[in-house]
PDB file of N, CA and C in Angstrom:
ATOM      1  N   UNK A   1       5.812  51.067 -61.183  1.00  0.00           N
ATOM      2  CA  UNK A   1       5.432  49.689 -61.062  1.00  0.00           C
ATOM      3  C   UNK A   1       4.408  49.491 -59.931  1.00  0.00           C
ATOM      4  N   UNK A   2       4.590  50.188 -58.819  1.00  0.00           N
ATOM      5  CA  UNK A   2       3.655  50.086 -57.707  1.00  0.00           C
ATOM      6  C   UNK A   2       2.280  50.608 -58.095  1.00  0.00           C
ATOM      7  N   UNK A   3       2.247  51.677 -58.869  1.00  0.00           N
ATOM      8  CA  UNK A   3       0.974  52.223 -59.323  1.00  0.00           C
ATOM      9  C   UNK A   3       0.258  51.229 -60.230  1.00  0.00           C
ATOM     10  N   UNK A   4       1.037  50.583 -61.075  1.00  0.00           N
ATOM     11  CA  UNK A   4       0.468  49.583 -61.982  1.00  0.00           C
ATOM     12  C   UNK A   4      -0.144  48.416 -61.199  1.00  0.00           C
ATOM     13  N   UNK A   5       0.565  47.924 -60.214  1.00  0.00           N
ATOM     14  CA  UNK A   5       0.054  46.836 -59.375  1.00  0.00           C
ATOM     15  C   UNK A   5      -1.201  47.272 -58.613  1.00  0.00           C
ATOM     16  N   UNK A   6      -1.195  48.499 -58.148  1.00  0.00           N
ATOM     17  CA  UNK A   6      -2.353  49.012 -57.416  1.00  0.00           C
ATOM     18  C   UNK A   6      -3.580  49.090 -58.325  1.00  0.00           C
ATOM     19  N   UNK A   7      -3.379  49.546 -59.568  1.00  0.00           N
ATOM     20  CA  UNK A   7      -4.497  49.631 -60.508  1.00  0.00           C
ATOM     21  C   UNK A   7      -5.026  48.239 -60.866  1.00  0.00           C
ATOM     22  N   UNK A   8      -4.135  47.294 -61.071  1.00  0.00           N
ATOM     23  CA  UNK A   8      -4.545  45.920 -61.388  1.00  0.00           C
ATOM     24  C   UNK A   8      -5.311  45.320 -60.215  1.00  0.00           C
ATOM     25  N   UNK A   9      -4.813  45.533 -58.998  1.00  0.00           N
ATOM     26  CA  UNK A   9      -5.481  45.013 -57.810  1.00  0.00           C
ATOM     27  C   UNK A   9      -6.867  45.637 -57.648  1.00  0.00           C
ATOM     28  N   UNK A  10      -6.970  46.944 -57.909  1.00  0.00           N
ATOM     29  CA  UNK A  10      -8.265  47.625 -57.791  1.00  0.00           C
ATOM     30  C   UNK A  10      -9.242  47.092 -58.839  1.00  0.00           C
ATOM     31  N   UNK A  11      -8.753  46.862 -60.062  1.00  0.00           N
ATOM     32  CA  UNK A  11      -9.621  46.327 -61.114  1.00  0.00           C
ATOM     33  C   UNK A  11     -10.103  44.929 -60.765  1.00  0.00           C
ATOM     34  N   UNK A  12      -9.206  44.092 -60.262  1.00  0.00           N
ATOM     35  CA  UNK A  12      -9.595  42.737 -59.866  1.00  0.00           C
ATOM     36  C   UNK A  12     -10.593  42.758 -58.719  1.00  0.00           C
ATOM     37  N   UNK A  13     -10.394  43.647 -57.764  1.00  0.00           N
ATOM     38  CA  UNK A  13     -11.320  43.747 -56.637  1.00  0.00           C
ATOM     39  C   UNK A  13     -12.706  44.174 -57.110  1.00  0.00           C
ATOM     40  N   UNK A  14     -12.741  45.116 -58.056  1.00  0.00           N
ATOM     41  CA  UNK A  14     -14.025  45.579 -58.597  1.00  0.00           C
ATOM     42  C   UNK A  14     -14.744  44.446 -59.324  1.00  0.00           C
ATOM     43  N   UNK A  15     -14.004  43.688 -60.148  1.00  0.00           N
ATOM     44  CA  UNK A  15     -14.604  42.562 -60.865  1.00  0.00           C
ATOM     45  C   UNK A  15     -15.103  41.486 -59.908  1.00  0.00           C
ATOM     46  N   UNK A  16     -14.311  41.217 -58.877  1.00  0.00           N
ATOM     47  CA  UNK A  16     -14.720  40.201 -57.904  1.00  0.00           C
ATOM     48  C   UNK A  16     -15.985  40.635 -57.176  1.00  0.00           C
ATOM     49  N   UNK A  17     -16.050  41.898 -56.792  1.00  0.00           N
ATOM     50  CA  UNK A  17     -17.238  42.399 -56.092  1.00  0.00           C
ATOM     51  C   UNK A  17     -18.458  42.354 -56.995  1.00  0.00           C
ATOM     52  N   UNK A  18     -18.279  42.700 -58.266  1.00  0.00           N
ATOM     53  CA  UNK A  18     -19.411  42.680 -59.199  1.00  0.00           C
ATOM     54  C   UNK A  18     -19.909  41.264 -59.426  1.00  0.00           C
ATOM     55  N   UNK A  19     -18.977  40.318 -59.572  1.00  0.00           N
ATOM     56  CA  UNK A  19     -19.410  38.937 -59.798  1.00  0.00           C
ATOM     57  C   UNK A  19     -20.059  38.355 -58.550  1.00  0.00           C
ATOM     58  N   UNK A  20     -19.567  38.741 -57.368  1.00  0.00           N
ATOM     59  CA  UNK A  20     -20.180  38.273 -56.132  1.00  0.00           C
ATOM     60  C   UNK A  20     -21.590  38.822 -55.995  1.00  0.00           C
ATOM     61  N   UNK A  21     -21.775  40.081 -56.348  1.00  0.00           N
ATOM     62  CA  UNK A  21     -23.102  40.693 -56.261  1.00  0.00           C
ATOM     63  C   UNK A  21     -24.069  40.010 -57.220  1.00  0.00           C
ATOM     64  N   UNK A  22     -23.589  39.635 -58.395  1.00  0.00           N
ATOM     65  CA  UNK A  22     -24.438  38.936 -59.357  1.00  0.00           C
ATOM     66  C   UNK A  22     -24.815  37.559 -58.841  1.00  0.00           C
ATOM     67  N   UNK A  23     -23.850  36.867 -58.246  1.00  0.00           N
ATOM     68  CA  UNK A  23     -24.094  35.504 -57.789  1.00  0.00           C
ATOM     69  C   UNK A  23     -25.078  35.460 -56.628  1.00  0.00           C
ATOM     70  N   UNK A  24     -25.093  36.504 -55.808  1.00  0.00           N
ATOM     71  CA  UNK A  24     -25.978  36.494 -54.645  1.00  0.00           C
ATOM     72  C   UNK A  24     -27.286  37.223 -54.891  1.00  0.00           C
ATOM     73  N   UNK A  25     -27.475  37.781 -56.073  1.00  0.00           N
ATOM     74  CA  UNK A  25     -28.731  38.469 -56.370  1.00  0.00           C
ATOM     75  C   UNK A  25     -29.871  37.462 -56.356  1.00  0.00           C
ATOM     76  N   UNK A  26     -30.996  37.817 -55.784  1.00  0.00           N
ATOM     77  CA  UNK A  26     -32.109  36.872 -55.731  1.00  0.00           C
ATOM     78  C   UNK A  26     -32.593  36.521 -57.140  1.00  0.00           C
ATOM     79  N   UNK A  27     -32.868  35.268 -57.336  1.00  0.00           N
ATOM     80  CA  UNK A  27     -33.376  34.803 -58.615  1.00  0.00           C
ATOM     81  C   UNK A  27     -34.858  35.133 -58.697  1.00  0.00           C
ATOM     82  N   UNK A  28     -35.326  35.560 -59.861  1.00  0.00           N
ATOM     83  CA  UNK A  28     -36.754  35.869 -59.961  1.00  0.00           C
ATOM     84  C   UNK A  28     -37.584  34.607 -59.767  1.00  0.00           C
ATOM     85  N   UNK A  29     -38.543  34.698 -58.914  1.00  0.00           N
ATOM     86  CA  UNK A  29     -39.411  33.555 -58.648  1.00  0.00           C
ATOM     87  C   UNK A  29     -40.406  33.400 -59.787  1.00  0.00           C
ATOM     88  N   UNK A  30     -40.967  32.234 -59.883  1.00  0.00           N
ATOM     89  CA  UNK A  30     -42.005  32.009 -60.879  1.00  0.00           C
ATOM     90  C   UNK A  30     -43.179  32.929 -60.551  1.00  0.00           C
ATOM     91  N   UNK A  31     -43.928  33.242 -61.543  1.00  0.00           N
ATOM     92  CA  UNK A  31     -45.072  34.120 -61.357  1.00  0.00           C
ATOM     93  C   UNK A  31     -46.013  33.469 -60.347  1.00  0.00           C
ATOM     94  N   UNK A  32     -46.380  34.201 -59.290  1.00  0.00           N
ATOM     95  CA  UNK A  32     -47.282  33.617 -58.295  1.00  0.00           C
ATOM     96  C   UNK A  32     -48.583  33.146 -58.953  1.00  0.00           C
ATOM     97  N   UNK A  33     -49.025  31.994 -58.523  1.00  0.00           N
ATOM     98  CA  UNK A  33     -50.272  31.464 -59.053  1.00  0.00           C
ATOM     99  C   UNK A  33     -50.083  30.554 -60.253  1.00  0.00           C
ATOM    100  N   UNK A  34     -48.850  30.487 -60.783  1.00  0.00           N
ATOM    101  CA  UNK A  34     -48.619  29.615 -61.936  1.00  0.00           C
ATOM    102  C   UNK A  34     -47.761  28.414 -61.559  1.00  0.00           C
ATOM    103  N   UNK A  35     -47.427  28.266 -60.297  1.00  0.00           N
ATOM    104  CA  UNK A  35     -46.653  27.100 -59.874  1.00  0.00           C
ATOM    105  C   UNK A  35     -47.538  25.863 -59.912  1.00  0.00           C
ATOM    106  N   UNK A  36     -47.027  24.826 -60.543  1.00  0.00           N
ATOM    107  CA  UNK A  36     -47.766  23.561 -60.595  1.00  0.00           C
ATOM    108  C   UNK A  36     -46.811  22.419 -60.264  1.00  0.00           C
ATOM    109  N   UNK A  37     -46.244  22.399 -59.049  1.00  0.00           N
ATOM    110  CA  UNK A  37     -45.248  21.383 -58.731  1.00  0.00           C
ATOM    111  C   UNK A  37     -45.800  19.959 -58.747  1.00  0.00           C
ATOM    112  N   UNK A  38     -47.041  19.768 -58.323  1.00  0.00           N
ATOM    113  CA  UNK A  38     -47.618  18.423 -58.337  1.00  0.00           C
ATOM    114  C   UNK A  38     -47.817  17.926 -59.758  1.00  0.00           C
ATOM    115  N   UNK A  39     -48.280  18.818 -60.630  1.00  0.00           N
ATOM    116  CA  UNK A  39     -48.482  18.454 -62.033  1.00  0.00           C
ATOM    117  C   UNK A  39     -47.143  18.113 -62.669  1.00  0.00           C
ATOM    118  N   UNK A  40     -46.129  18.952 -62.399  1.00  0.00           N
ATOM    119  CA  UNK A  40     -44.806  18.728 -62.987  1.00  0.00           C
ATOM    120  C   UNK A  40     -44.193  17.420 -62.497  1.00  0.00           C
ATOM    121  N   UNK A  41     -44.293  17.158 -61.198  1.00  0.00           N
ATOM    122  CA  UNK A  41     -43.728  15.924 -60.648  1.00  0.00           C
ATOM    123  C   UNK A  41     -44.438  14.701 -61.221  1.00  0.00           C
ATOM    124  N   UNK A  42     -45.738  14.811 -61.362  1.00  0.00           N
ATOM    125  CA  UNK A  42     -46.498  13.678 -61.907  1.00  0.00           C
ATOM    126  C   UNK A  42     -46.156  13.446 -63.375  1.00  0.00           C
ATOM    127  N   UNK A  43     -45.965  14.533 -64.134  1.00  0.00           N
ATOM    128  CA  UNK A  43     -45.553  14.402 -65.531  1.00  0.00           C
ATOM    129  C   UNK A  43     -44.210  13.671 -65.618  1.00  0.00           C
ATOM    130  N   UNK A  44     -43.285  14.039 -64.735  1.00  0.00           N
ATOM    131  CA  UNK A  44     -41.973  13.388 -64.727  1.00  0.00           C
ATOM    132  C   UNK A  44     -42.110  11.896 -64.432  1.00  0.00           C
ATOM    133  N   UNK A  45     -42.940  11.550 -63.445  1.00  0.00           N
ATOM    134  CA  UNK A  45     -43.128  10.124 -63.112  1.00  0.00           C
ATOM    135  C   UNK A  45     -43.765   9.369 -64.275  1.00  0.00           C
ATOM    136  N   UNK A  46     -44.727   9.987 -64.938  1.00  0.00           N
ATOM    137  CA  UNK A  46     -45.372   9.317 -66.066  1.00  0.00           C
ATOM    138  C   UNK A  46     -44.392   9.135 -67.224  1.00  0.00           C
ATOM    139  N   UNK A  47     -43.545  10.134 -67.460  1.00  0.00           N
ATOM    140  CA  UNK A  47     -42.515   9.997 -68.498  1.00  0.00           C
ATOM    141  C   UNK A  47     -41.566   8.848 -68.161  1.00  0.00           C
ATOM    142  N   UNK A  48     -41.200   8.734 -66.886  1.00  0.00           N
ATOM    143  CA  UNK A  48     -40.325   7.640 -66.462  1.00  0.00           C
ATOM    144  C   UNK A  48     -41.002   6.287 -66.672  1.00  0.00           C
ATOM    145  N   UNK A  49     -42.293   6.205 -66.387  1.00  0.00           N
ATOM    146  CA  UNK A  49     -43.021   4.946 -66.577  1.00  0.00           C
ATOM    147  C   UNK A  49     -43.055   4.554 -68.046  1.00  0.00           C
ATOM    148  N   UNK A  50     -43.239   5.541 -68.925  1.00  0.00           N
ATOM    149  CA  UNK A  50     -43.253   5.266 -70.362  1.00  0.00           C
ATOM    150  C   UNK A  50     -41.872   4.785 -70.806  1.00  0.00           C
ATOM    151  N   UNK A  51     -40.824   5.485 -70.361  1.00  0.00           N
ATOM    152  CA  UNK A  51     -39.457   5.084 -70.719  1.00  0.00           C
ATOM    153  C   UNK A  51     -39.147   3.675 -70.229  1.00  0.00           C
ATOM    154  N   UNK A  52     -39.563   3.371 -68.998  1.00  0.00           N
ATOM    155  CA  UNK A  52     -39.305   2.045 -68.443  1.00  0.00           C
ATOM    156  C   UNK A  52     -40.051   0.984 -69.239  1.00  0.00           C
ATOM    157  N   UNK A  53     -41.274   1.270 -69.631  1.00  0.00           N
ATOM    158  CA  UNK A  53     -42.054   0.312 -70.413  1.00  0.00           C
ATOM    159  C   UNK A  53     -41.450   0.067 -71.780  1.00  0.00           C
ATOM    160  N   UNK A  54     -40.906   1.106 -72.366  1.00  0.00           N
ATOM    161  CA  UNK A  54     -40.257   0.954 -73.670  1.00  0.00           C
ATOM    162  C   UNK A  54     -38.978   0.125 -73.525  1.00  0.00           C
ATOM    163  N   UNK A  55     -38.189   0.406 -72.492  1.00  0.00           N
ATOM    164  CA  UNK A  55     -36.936  -0.315 -72.294  1.00  0.00           C
ATOM    165  C   UNK A  55     -37.170  -1.783 -71.954  1.00  0.00           C
ATOM    166  N   UNK A  56     -38.226  -2.061 -71.212  1.00  0.00           N
ATOM    167  CA  UNK A  56     -38.486  -3.446 -70.817  1.00  0.00           C
ATOM    168  C   UNK A  56     -39.174  -4.242 -71.921  1.00  0.00           C
ATOM    169  N   UNK A  57     -39.669  -3.553 -72.929  1.00  0.00           N
ATOM    170  CA  UNK A  57     -40.366  -4.231 -74.012  1.00  0.00           C
ATOM    171  C   UNK A  57     -41.853  -4.386 -73.764  1.00  0.00           C
ATOM    172  N   UNK A  58     -42.347  -3.807 -72.680  1.00  0.00           N
ATOM    173  CA  UNK A  58     -43.780  -3.900 -72.373  1.00  0.00           C
ATOM    174  C   UNK A  58     -44.604  -3.011 -73.293  1.00  0.00           C
ATOM    175  N   UNK A  59     -43.984  -2.003 -73.906  1.00  0.00           N
ATOM    176  CA  UNK A  59     -44.684  -1.096 -74.811  1.00  0.00           C
ATOM    177  C   UNK A  59     -44.126  -1.259 -76.223  1.00  0.00           C
ATOM    178  N   UNK A  60     -45.039  -1.294 -77.181  1.00  0.00           N
ATOM    179  CA  UNK A  60     -44.605  -1.307 -78.573  1.00  0.00           C
ATOM    180  C   UNK A  60     -44.204   0.111 -78.953  1.00  0.00           C
ATOM    181  N   UNK A  61     -43.574   0.255 -80.097  1.00  0.00           N
ATOM    182  CA  UNK A  61     -43.166   1.580 -80.571  1.00  0.00           C
ATOM    183  C   UNK A  61     -44.390   2.482 -80.775  1.00  0.00           C
ATOM    184  N   UNK A  62     -45.454   1.907 -81.335  1.00  0.00           N
ATOM    185  CA  UNK A  62     -46.672   2.681 -81.571  1.00  0.00           C
ATOM    186  C   UNK A  62     -47.307   3.124 -80.251  1.00  0.00           C
ATOM    187  N   UNK A  63     -47.363   2.238 -79.263  1.00  0.00           N
ATOM    188  CA  UNK A  63     -47.921   2.595 -77.960  1.00  0.00           C
ATOM    189  C   UNK A  63     -47.095   3.706 -77.313  1.00  0.00           C
ATOM    190  N   UNK A  64     -45.775   3.592 -77.434  1.00  0.00           N
ATOM    191  CA  UNK A  64     -44.892   4.602 -76.851  1.00  0.00           C
ATOM    192  C   UNK A  64     -45.144   5.967 -77.481  1.00  0.00           C
ATOM    193  N   UNK A  65     -45.228   6.004 -78.806  1.00  0.00           N
ATOM    194  CA  UNK A  65     -45.477   7.280 -79.489  1.00  0.00           C
ATOM    195  C   UNK A  65     -46.809   7.887 -79.050  1.00  0.00           C
ATOM    196  N   UNK A  66     -47.827   7.046 -78.946  1.00  0.00           N
ATOM    197  CA  UNK A  66     -49.154   7.525 -78.556  1.00  0.00           C
ATOM    198  C   UNK A  66     -49.151   8.077 -77.127  1.00  0.00           C
ATOM    199  N   UNK A  67     -48.508   7.358 -76.217  1.00  0.00           N
ATOM    200  CA  UNK A  67     -48.459   7.813 -74.826  1.00  0.00           C
ATOM    201  C   UNK A  67     -47.631   9.094 -74.689  1.00  0.00           C
ATOM    202  N   UNK A  68     -46.539   9.192 -75.439  1.00  0.00           N
ATOM    203  CA  UNK A  68     -45.737  10.420 -75.399  1.00  0.00           C
ATOM    204  C   UNK A  68     -46.504  11.590 -75.993  1.00  0.00           C
ATOM    205  N   UNK A  69     -47.310  11.328 -77.013  1.00  0.00           N
ATOM    206  CA  UNK A  69     -48.158  12.379 -77.578  1.00  0.00           C
ATOM    207  C   UNK A  69     -49.176  12.867 -76.562  1.00  0.00           C
ATOM    208  N   UNK A  70     -49.705  11.940 -75.793  1.00  0.00           N
ATOM    209  CA  UNK A  70     -50.667  12.303 -74.745  1.00  0.00           C
ATOM    210  C   UNK A  70     -49.993  13.197 -73.695  1.00  0.00           C
ATOM    211  N   UNK A  71     -48.744  12.892 -73.370  1.00  0.00           N
ATOM    212  CA  UNK A  71     -48.005  13.717 -72.411  1.00  0.00           C
ATOM    213  C   UNK A  71     -47.763  15.120 -72.980  1.00  0.00           C
ATOM    214  N   UNK A  72     -47.504  15.222 -74.270  1.00  0.00           N
ATOM    215  CA  UNK A  72     -47.308  16.535 -74.896  1.00  0.00           C
ATOM    216  C   UNK A  72     -48.591  17.366 -74.834  1.00  0.00           C
ATOM    217  N   UNK A  73     -49.738  16.697 -75.016  1.00  0.00           N
ATOM    218  CA  UNK A  73     -51.013  17.422 -74.910  1.00  0.00           C
ATOM    219  C   UNK A  73     -51.206  17.992 -73.508  1.00  0.00           C
ATOM    220  N   UNK A  74     -50.807  17.229 -72.503  1.00  0.00           N
ATOM    221  CA  UNK A  74     -50.923  17.709 -71.124  1.00  0.00           C
ATOM    222  C   UNK A  74     -49.982  18.891 -70.908  1.00  0.00           C
ATOM    223  N   UNK A  75     -48.763  18.815 -71.458  1.00  0.00           N
ATOM    224  CA  UNK A  75     -47.824  19.936 -71.350  1.00  0.00           C
ATOM    225  C   UNK A  75     -48.401  21.193 -71.990  1.00  0.00           C
ATOM    226  N   UNK A  76     -49.018  21.045 -73.161  1.00  0.00           N
ATOM    227  CA  UNK A  76     -49.611  22.198 -73.842  1.00  0.00           C
ATOM    228  C   UNK A  76     -50.772  22.774 -73.028  1.00  0.00           C
ATOM    229  N   UNK A  77     -51.583  21.898 -72.447  1.00  0.00           N
ATOM    230  CA  UNK A  77     -52.698  22.366 -71.621  1.00  0.00           C
ATOM    231  C   UNK A  77     -52.171  23.114 -70.398  1.00  0.00           C
ATOM    232  N   UNK A  78     -51.077  22.640 -69.832  1.00  0.00           N
ATOM    233  CA  UNK A  78     -50.476  23.317 -68.687  1.00  0.00           C
ATOM    234  C   UNK A  78     -49.960  24.697 -69.108  1.00  0.00           C
ATOM    235  N   UNK A  79     -49.317  24.776 -70.262  1.00  0.00           N
ATOM    236  CA  UNK A  79     -48.834  26.066 -70.764  1.00  0.00           C
ATOM    237  C   UNK A  79     -49.985  27.043 -70.994  1.00  0.00           C
ATOM    238  N   UNK A  80     -51.096  26.543 -71.557  1.00  0.00           N
ATOM    239  CA  UNK A  80     -52.264  27.399 -71.769  1.00  0.00           C
ATOM    240  C   UNK A  80     -52.836  27.882 -70.438  1.00  0.00           C
ATOM    241  N   UNK A  81     -52.845  26.987 -69.447  1.00  0.00           N
ATOM    242  CA  UNK A  81     -53.382  27.361 -68.134  1.00  0.00           C
ATOM    243  C   UNK A  81     -52.515  28.443 -67.488  1.00  0.00           C
ATOM    244  N   UNK A  82     -51.214  28.395 -67.719  1.00  0.00           N
ATOM    245  CA  UNK A  82     -50.299  29.371 -67.128  1.00  0.00           C
ATOM    246  C   UNK A  82     -50.245  30.673 -67.913  1.00  0.00           C
ATOM    247  N   UNK A  83     -50.762  30.687 -69.127  1.00  0.00           N
ATOM    248  CA  UNK A  83     -50.609  31.833 -70.027  1.00  0.00           C
ATOM    249  C   UNK A  83     -51.192  33.123 -69.466  1.00  0.00           C
ATOM    250  N   UNK A  84     -52.290  33.050 -68.737  1.00  0.00           N
ATOM    251  CA  UNK A  84     -52.908  34.270 -68.226  1.00  0.00           C
ATOM    252  C   UNK A  84     -52.325  34.714 -66.887  1.00  0.00           C
ATOM    253  N   UNK A  85     -51.337  33.971 -66.380  1.00  0.00           N
ATOM    254  CA  UNK A  85     -50.673  34.352 -65.139  1.00  0.00           C
ATOM    255  C   UNK A  85     -51.205  33.669 -63.902  1.00  0.00           C
ATOM    256  N   UNK A  86     -52.291  32.943 -64.030  1.00  0.00           N
ATOM    257  CA  UNK A  86     -52.868  32.238 -62.881  1.00  0.00           C
ATOM    258  C   UNK A  86     -53.424  30.902 -63.340  1.00  0.00           C
ATOM    259  N   UNK A  87     -53.111  29.865 -62.580  1.00  0.00           N
ATOM    260  CA  UNK A  87     -53.714  28.559 -62.844  1.00  0.00           C
ATOM    261  C   UNK A  87     -54.880  28.429 -61.876  1.00  0.00           C
ATOM    262  N   UNK A  88     -56.081  28.528 -62.408  1.00  0.00           N
ATOM    263  CA  UNK A  88     -57.275  28.488 -61.565  1.00  0.00           C
ATOM    264  C   UNK A  88     -57.528  27.067 -61.069  1.00  0.00           C
ATOM    265  N   UNK A  89     -58.417  26.951 -60.110  1.00  0.00           N
ATOM    266  CA  UNK A  89     -58.769  25.637 -59.574  1.00  0.00           C
ATOM    267  C   UNK A  89     -59.374  24.755 -60.666  1.00  0.00           C
ATOM    268  N   UNK A  90     -60.169  25.375 -61.534  1.00  0.00           N
ATOM    269  CA  UNK A  90     -60.794  24.630 -62.632  1.00  0.00           C
ATOM    270  C   UNK A  90     -59.733  24.105 -63.602  1.00  0.00           C
ATOM    271  N   UNK A  91     -58.753  24.952 -63.927  1.00  0.00           N
ATOM    272  CA  UNK A  91     -57.677  24.528 -64.826  1.00  0.00           C
ATOM    273  C   UNK A  91     -56.831  23.429 -64.178  1.00  0.00           C
ATOM    274  N   UNK A  92     -56.558  23.593 -62.889  1.00  0.00           N
ATOM    275  CA  UNK A  92     -55.776  22.589 -62.159  1.00  0.00           C
ATOM    276  C   UNK A  92     -56.512  21.250 -62.139  1.00  0.00           C
ATOM    277  N   UNK A  93     -57.838  21.306 -61.931  1.00  0.00           N
ATOM    278  CA  UNK A  93     -58.661  20.097 -61.932  1.00  0.00           C
ATOM    279  C   UNK A  93     -58.600  19.416 -63.301  1.00  0.00           C
ATOM    280  N   UNK A  94     -58.680  20.204 -64.349  1.00  0.00           N
ATOM    281  CA  UNK A  94     -58.619  19.653 -65.706  1.00  0.00           C
ATOM    282  C   UNK A  94     -57.271  18.978 -65.956  1.00  0.00           C
ATOM    283  N   UNK A  95     -56.178  19.604 -65.495  1.00  0.00           N
ATOM    284  CA  UNK A  95     -54.851  19.002 -65.665  1.00  0.00           C
ATOM    285  C   UNK A  95     -54.759  17.675 -64.923  1.00  0.00           C
ATOM    286  N   UNK A  96     -55.273  17.638 -63.695  1.00  0.00           N
ATOM    287  CA  UNK A  96     -55.247  16.391 -62.915  1.00  0.00           C
ATOM    288  C   UNK A  96     -56.090  15.314 -63.586  1.00  0.00           C
ATOM    289  N   UNK A  97     -57.229  15.718 -64.136  1.00  0.00           N
ATOM    290  CA  UNK A  97     -58.096  14.761 -64.828  1.00  0.00           C
ATOM    291  C   UNK A  97     -57.384  14.188 -66.060  1.00  0.00           C
ATOM    292  N   UNK A  98     -56.700  15.051 -66.802  1.00  0.00           N
ATOM    293  CA  UNK A  98     -55.945  14.588 -67.968  1.00  0.00           C
ATOM    294  C   UNK A  98     -54.835  13.623 -67.541  1.00  0.00           C
ATOM    295  N   UNK A  99     -54.180  13.938 -66.431  1.00  0.00           N
ATOM    296  CA  UNK A  99     -53.113  13.060 -65.944  1.00  0.00           C
ATOM    297  C   UNK A  99     -53.668  11.737 -65.443  1.00  0.00           C
ATOM    298  N   UNK A 100     -54.842  11.758 -64.822  1.00  0.00           N
ATOM    299  CA  UNK A 100     -55.471  10.502 -64.399  1.00  0.00           C
ATOM    300  C   UNK A 100     -55.712   9.608 -65.608  1.00  0.00           C
ATOM    301  N   UNK A 101     -56.233  10.191 -66.653  1.00  0.00           N
ATOM    302  CA  UNK A 101     -56.526   9.438 -67.875  1.00  0.00           C
ATOM    303  C   UNK A 101     -55.235   8.894 -68.475  1.00  0.00           C
ATOM    304  N   UNK A 102     -54.200   9.734 -68.530  1.00  0.00           N
ATOM    305  CA  UNK A 102     -52.915   9.300 -69.085  1.00  0.00           C
ATOM    306  C   UNK A 102     -52.306   8.182 -68.244  1.00  0.00           C
ATOM    307  N   UNK A 103     -52.422   8.289 -66.936  1.00  0.00           N
ATOM    308  CA  UNK A 103     -51.886   7.250 -66.050  1.00  0.00           C
ATOM    309  C   UNK A 103     -52.574   5.907 -66.284  1.00  0.00           C
ATOM    310  N   UNK A 104     -53.903   5.954 -66.459  1.00  0.00           N
ATOM    311  CA  UNK A 104     -54.638   4.720 -66.760  1.00  0.00           C
ATOM    312  C   UNK A 104     -54.203   4.147 -68.097  1.00  0.00           C
ATOM    313  N   UNK A 105     -54.015   5.034 -69.088  1.00  0.00           N
ATOM    314  CA  UNK A 105     -53.576   4.561 -70.407  1.00  0.00           C
ATOM    315  C   UNK A 105     -52.204   3.907 -70.331  1.00  0.00           C
ATOM    316  N   UNK A 106     -51.296   4.494 -69.561  1.00  0.00           N
ATOM    317  CA  UNK A 106     -49.957   3.912 -69.420  1.00  0.00           C
ATOM    318  C   UNK A 106     -50.062   2.522 -68.813  1.00  0.00           C
ATOM    319  N   UNK A 107     -50.852   2.396 -67.750  1.00  0.00           N
ATOM    320  CA  UNK A 107     -50.982   1.094 -67.104  1.00  0.00           C
ATOM    321  C   UNK A 107     -51.590   0.066 -68.057  1.00  0.00           C
ATOM    322  N   UNK A 108     -52.650   0.459 -68.734  1.00  0.00           N
ATOM    323  CA  UNK A 108     -53.314  -0.471 -69.655  1.00  0.00           C
ATOM    324  C   UNK A 108     -52.368  -0.938 -70.762  1.00  0.00           C
ATOM    325  N   UNK A 109     -51.620   0.001 -71.327  1.00  0.00           N
ATOM    326  CA  UNK A 109     -50.728  -0.356 -72.426  1.00  0.00           C
ATOM    327  C   UNK A 109     -49.554  -1.207 -71.944  1.00  0.00           C
ATOM    328  N   UNK A 110     -49.076  -0.946 -70.751  1.00  0.00           N
ATOM    329  CA  UNK A 110     -47.945  -1.738 -70.245  1.00  0.00           C
ATOM    330  C   UNK A 110     -48.352  -3.163 -69.899  1.00  0.00           C
ATOM    331  N   UNK A 111     -49.636  -3.373 -69.586  1.00  0.00           N
ATOM    332  CA  UNK A 111     -50.079  -4.687 -69.125  1.00  0.00           C
ATOM    333  C   UNK A 111     -51.046  -5.354 -70.092  1.00  0.00           C
ATOM    334  N   UNK A 112     -51.001  -4.981 -71.366  1.00  0.00           N
ATOM    335  CA  UNK A 112     -51.961  -5.536 -72.314  1.00  0.00           C
ATOM    336  C   UNK A 112     -51.433  -6.769 -73.053  1.00  0.00           C
ATOM    337  N   UNK A 113     -50.356  -7.307 -72.612  1.00  0.00           N
ATOM    338  CA  UNK A 113     -49.754  -8.536 -73.181  1.00  0.00           C
ATOM    339  C   UNK A 113     -49.264  -8.343 -74.601  1.00  0.00           C
ATOM    340  N   UNK A 114     -49.228  -7.114 -75.046  1.00  0.00           N
ATOM    341  CA  UNK A 114     -48.523  -6.831 -76.300  1.00  0.00           C
ATOM    342  C   UNK A 114     -47.136  -6.402 -75.871  1.00  0.00           C
ATOM    343  N   UNK A 115     -46.228  -6.547 -76.749  1.00  0.00           N
ATOM    344  CA  UNK A 115     -44.886  -6.107 -76.421  1.00  0.00           C
ATOM    345  C   UNK A 115     -44.142  -5.778 -77.685  1.00  0.00           C
ATOM    346  N   UNK A 116     -43.026  -5.144 -77.489  1.00  0.00           N
ATOM    347  CA  UNK A 116     -42.181  -4.835 -78.629  1.00  0.00           C
ATOM    348  C   UNK A 116     -41.695  -6.131 -79.234  1.00  0.00           C
ATOM    349  N   UNK A 117     -41.596  -6.219 -80.571  1.00  0.00           N
ATOM    350  CA  UNK A 117     -41.112  -7.443 -81.181  1.00  0.00           C
ATOM    351  C   UNK A 117     -39.713  -7.789 -80.695  1.00  0.00           C
ATOM    352  N   UNK A 118     -39.525  -9.042 -80.394  1.00  0.00           N
ATOM    353  CA  UNK A 118     -38.209  -9.490 -79.932  1.00  0.00           C
ATOM    354  C   UNK A 118     -37.393  -9.912 -81.142  1.00  0.00           C
ATOM    355  N   UNK A 119     -36.187  -9.410 -81.212  1.00  0.00           N
ATOM    356  CA  UNK A 119     -35.313  -9.741 -82.342  1.00  0.00           C
ATOM    357  C   UNK A 119     -34.419 -10.900 -82.020  1.00  0.00           C
TER     358      UNK A 119
END
């Protein structure tokens, strides 16, 4: 019985050590040069603005779909920029320019005095 308890304790200790080693292993970082935290944060804010406009009724269903499509195009452009492993200054500039345009479109659509039909 003592041998059995010793084997069980040794097995549990081994499993605990293995799981601890896995939990503390460093997580692989994103590929250097492909980090775009400003672009990502701005995309999140623009998505929130679109959602808020839809919920408040400031955006029609068609405007919402169009603005969300514009955000998807920016996401695809960001993915293409990251595909080669480096987001160059030119690619970053293009992403910011696309986001500037999208931001203006969101503002214009939210304040154009059209709104979702009220039921």
